[in-house]
């Protein structure tokens, strides 16, 4: 059991590290190719996505379905 937990922890750490590096490189590369206004729009969209992404992993989309049915009969 301890080996499984240690293996999962190492995998999780490596996964988060890799996601952080790829995300940083994405921001740098996009910053090189876009104009300042386009980059601002891109970063605004990414900020909204990053702020709402934990809600989607907790089942936020599933809880919104009944509300959408009520709003749009």
C-alpha atoms as a PDB file:
ATOM      1  CA  UNK A   1       0.000   0.000   0.000  1.00  0.00           C
ATOM      2  CA  UNK A   2       2.806   2.435   0.838  1.00  0.00           C
ATOM      3  CA  UNK A   3       4.520   1.710  -2.476  1.00  0.00           C
ATOM      4  CA  UNK A   4       1.315   2.461  -4.352  1.00  0.00           C
ATOM      5  CA  UNK A   5       0.846   5.762  -2.523  1.00  0.00           C
ATOM      6  CA  UNK A   6       4.487   6.753  -3.128  1.00  0.00           C
ATOM      7  CA  UNK A   7       4.199   5.840  -6.801  1.00  0.00           C
ATOM      8  CA  UNK A   8       0.989   7.824  -7.175  1.00  0.00           C
ATOM      9  CA  UNK A   9       2.530  10.805  -5.394  1.00  0.00           C
ATOM     10  CA  UNK A  10       5.570  10.770  -7.689  1.00  0.00           C
ATOM     11  CA  UNK A  11       3.334  10.517 -10.743  1.00  0.00           C
ATOM     12  CA  UNK A  12       1.124  13.363  -9.511  1.00  0.00           C
ATOM     13  CA  UNK A  13       4.143  15.598  -8.807  1.00  0.00           C
ATOM     14  CA  UNK A  14       5.652  14.868 -12.226  1.00  0.00           C
ATOM     15  CA  UNK A  15       2.297  15.503 -13.913  1.00  0.00           C
ATOM     16  CA  UNK A  16       1.812  18.880 -12.213  1.00  0.00           C
ATOM     17  CA  UNK A  17       5.416  19.876 -12.956  1.00  0.00           C
ATOM     18  CA  UNK A  18       5.026  18.974 -16.626  1.00  0.00           C
ATOM     19  CA  UNK A  19       1.723  20.853 -16.891  1.00  0.00           C
ATOM     20  CA  UNK A  20       3.332  23.941 -15.327  1.00  0.00           C
ATOM     21  CA  UNK A  21       6.290  23.879 -17.721  1.00  0.00           C
ATOM     22  CA  UNK A  22       4.093  23.398 -20.797  1.00  0.00           C
ATOM     23  CA  UNK A  23       1.743  26.164 -19.616  1.00  0.00           C
ATOM     24  CA  UNK A  24       4.631  28.573 -19.100  1.00  0.00           C
ATOM     25  CA  UNK A  25       6.024  27.795 -22.546  1.00  0.00           C
ATOM     26  CA  UNK A  26       2.579  28.314 -24.068  1.00  0.00           C
ATOM     27  CA  UNK A  27       2.330  31.791 -22.526  1.00  0.00           C
ATOM     28  CA  UNK A  28       5.785  32.753 -23.775  1.00  0.00           C
ATOM     29  CA  UNK A  29       5.208  31.443 -27.300  1.00  0.00           C
ATOM     30  CA  UNK A  30       1.763  33.028 -27.589  1.00  0.00           C
ATOM     31  CA  UNK A  31       3.209  36.291 -26.286  1.00  0.00           C
ATOM     32  CA  UNK A  32       5.755  36.296 -29.106  1.00  0.00           C
ATOM     33  CA  UNK A  33       3.184  35.827 -31.880  1.00  0.00           C
ATOM     34  CA  UNK A  34       0.224  37.939 -30.730  1.00  0.00           C
ATOM     35  CA  UNK A  35      -0.162  41.681 -30.491  1.00  0.00           C
ATOM     36  CA  UNK A  36      -0.595  43.174 -26.999  1.00  0.00           C
ATOM     37  CA  UNK A  37      -4.383  43.475 -27.401  1.00  0.00           C
ATOM     38  CA  UNK A  38      -4.736  39.904 -28.704  1.00  0.00           C
ATOM     39  CA  UNK A  39      -2.514  38.652 -25.893  1.00  0.00           C
ATOM     40  CA  UNK A  40      -4.689  40.484 -23.370  1.00  0.00           C
ATOM     41  CA  UNK A  41      -7.833  38.845 -24.756  1.00  0.00           C
ATOM     42  CA  UNK A  42      -6.120  35.447 -24.738  1.00  0.00           C
ATOM     43  CA  UNK A  43      -4.975  35.870 -21.144  1.00  0.00           C
ATOM     44  CA  UNK A  44      -8.449  37.015 -20.080  1.00  0.00           C
ATOM     45  CA  UNK A  45      -9.967  33.869 -21.566  1.00  0.00           C
ATOM     46  CA  UNK A  46      -7.273  31.715 -19.945  1.00  0.00           C
ATOM     47  CA  UNK A  47      -7.873  33.384 -16.575  1.00  0.00           C
ATOM     48  CA  UNK A  48     -11.596  32.601 -16.724  1.00  0.00           C
ATOM     49  CA  UNK A  49     -10.810  29.034 -17.768  1.00  0.00           C
ATOM     50  CA  UNK A  50      -8.271  28.555 -14.972  1.00  0.00           C
ATOM     51  CA  UNK A  51     -10.642  30.029 -12.395  1.00  0.00           C
ATOM     52  CA  UNK A  52     -13.557  27.796 -13.442  1.00  0.00           C
ATOM     53  CA  UNK A  53     -11.682  24.570 -14.196  1.00  0.00           C
ATOM     54  CA  UNK A  54     -11.712  23.308 -10.583  1.00  0.00           C
ATOM     55  CA  UNK A  55     -15.494  23.687 -10.601  1.00  0.00           C
ATOM     56  CA  UNK A  56     -15.814  21.414 -13.620  1.00  0.00           C
ATOM     57  CA  UNK A  57     -13.782  18.650 -11.971  1.00  0.00           C
ATOM     58  CA  UNK A  58     -16.113  18.741  -8.981  1.00  0.00           C
ATOM     59  CA  UNK A  59     -19.181  18.056 -11.098  1.00  0.00           C
ATOM     60  CA  UNK A  60     -20.133  21.666 -11.800  1.00  0.00           C
ATOM     61  CA  UNK A  61     -21.321  20.811 -15.307  1.00  0.00           C
ATOM     62  CA  UNK A  62     -23.581  18.047 -14.025  1.00  0.00           C
ATOM     63  CA  UNK A  63     -25.180  20.380 -11.503  1.00  0.00           C
ATOM     64  CA  UNK A  64     -25.797  23.028 -14.160  1.00  0.00           C
ATOM     65  CA  UNK A  65     -27.894  20.706 -16.359  1.00  0.00           C
ATOM     66  CA  UNK A  66     -31.065  20.977 -14.224  1.00  0.00           C
ATOM     67  CA  UNK A  67     -30.631  24.745 -14.066  1.00  0.00           C
ATOM     68  CA  UNK A  68     -30.311  24.953 -17.847  1.00  0.00           C
ATOM     69  CA  UNK A  69     -33.490  22.909 -18.255  1.00  0.00           C
ATOM     70  CA  UNK A  70     -35.296  25.334 -15.968  1.00  0.00           C
ATOM     71  CA  UNK A  71     -33.892  28.408 -17.746  1.00  0.00           C
ATOM     72  CA  UNK A  72     -34.551  27.163 -21.261  1.00  0.00           C
ATOM     73  CA  UNK A  73     -37.812  25.187 -21.319  1.00  0.00           C
END
